[in-house]
Amino acid sequence: MSSEAHLPGAMANGTTTEAPSSLSNSTATPISTTAQPNFIDSLLNKIPLPRWALIAIVVAVGLVLLLLLVCIIRCCCCRKKRKKKEKVNLRSLNGTSTTTSLVQPDTEDIECGLEDEKRGRLQYSLEYDFRNQEMKVAVKQAADLKAMDSGGTSDPYVIVYLTSDIRKKYETKVHRKTLSPVFNESFVFQIPQADVTETMLVMQVYDFNRFSKHDIIGEMRLPLGDVDLHHVMEQWHELSAASKIEQERLGEICFSLRYVPSTSKLTVVIIEAKKLKRMNSQGLSDPYVKVQLILNKKKWKRKKTSVKKNTLSPYFNEAFVFEVPFSLIQNVDLVISIWHHDKVTKDEQIGKLFLSCRATGNQLRHWSDMLANPRRPMAQWHSLQPAEEMDKTLGLKTRFKLPLPNS
């Protein structure tokens, strides 16, 4: 017998038969014991919750994280859009329409406030008489005025004036309970042709209140320099919100200053003035200039020019010399004031200004130039200021005190 016949599971043709079951069991058992257990399954087995509860928690956490991610992305996109709007290169813009869109809000932002901004319209006519130097202003009518009363109406009237002389104002009649009044009233202003280009026509529409302050509905301002006065003009104008009350124009004055420390001489030359405030019924003035020195807030020395009749642009060219020691020049205030001479009543101040080391603006600059350039006259134009404001700033002390009443 050959050796191959004694081998188990072997056949004569060289093929093998299946191993006995005992052998297969003995070889399979070690394989199952050596495999590593799943980490996730072991971790889940340790959590004392059912599988469906764990799955629900994971899904909820995922949704929260997704929402947070969406919010972060939206915030980043909004910031990028804002930065693009802010970082617009103005140099690359051509045309007024694009520039206007940058400085004005979008129409969607102002649609809600359009009704509040509408104040109505005013129709007027304008005619200038070159021969008599007169401006005729006619207030025709108004329409679609803003309602100021609780009943949805207003009691409108119009105030008309020119900025060249805001003291002279005209008023129309009051029209009761209407938003579309018809006025048909005319007013005449005296205004020289030379002042027309620098003057503005102002019409203010008010709501009349019997027991309280009158409320302004709106106003229109028309620069006369933009109007062709050779033709009669009649048109409608949209009313806008009222602006701040403008300061009355008092005029300008030109004078020179010269100080010589070695001789203690301060020379003030009043040269001329222009565009002075109208003080008489003819629309002119009789101006003269006062020159005062104030020492330690007390009146010290004073001189004045001659009176120039019927003019708003007087020419003086008058010089005044004051003796001011160099030790006192730092404590001196030079006060320049223009007055209107009145033969019947008391003279009225047109305007005033002062120069010193405690002055400001052009006045301080002029005074500093004088001190920095001794023996050299320094001339400059100055705008007149209200006398009340200048007196308050100067804080002058009275020489005489009133006796106290007996207790």
Foldseek 3Di string as FASTA:
>chain_A
DDPQVPDPQADPVGDGDDDDPVVVVVVPVVVVVVDDDDPVVVVVVVDPDDPVVVVVVVVVVVVVVVVVVVVVVVVVVVVVVVVVLVPDDPVPDDDPVVVVPNVDDDPVVCVVVPVVFAAWKWKKKWAADQVQQKIKIWTFKIAPGAADDPVRFFFKKKKKDKLLAVVDIDIFDTHPGHRIDGTGDMDMDRHHPVCLQVMKIKMWMWGDDDPDDIHTRFMDIGRSNVDDNVDMDIDMDGGGHDDDDDDRFAWKWKWKWAAAQVQQKIKIWGFKIASGAQDDPVRFFFKKKKKWKAAPLETDDIDIFDTHPGHRIDGTRDMDMDRHHPVRQQRIKIKMWMWGDDPPDDIGTRFIDIAHCPDDDPRPVNSVVNVVDHPDMDMDMDGGDHPVVRCVVSVHDDPDDDDDDDD
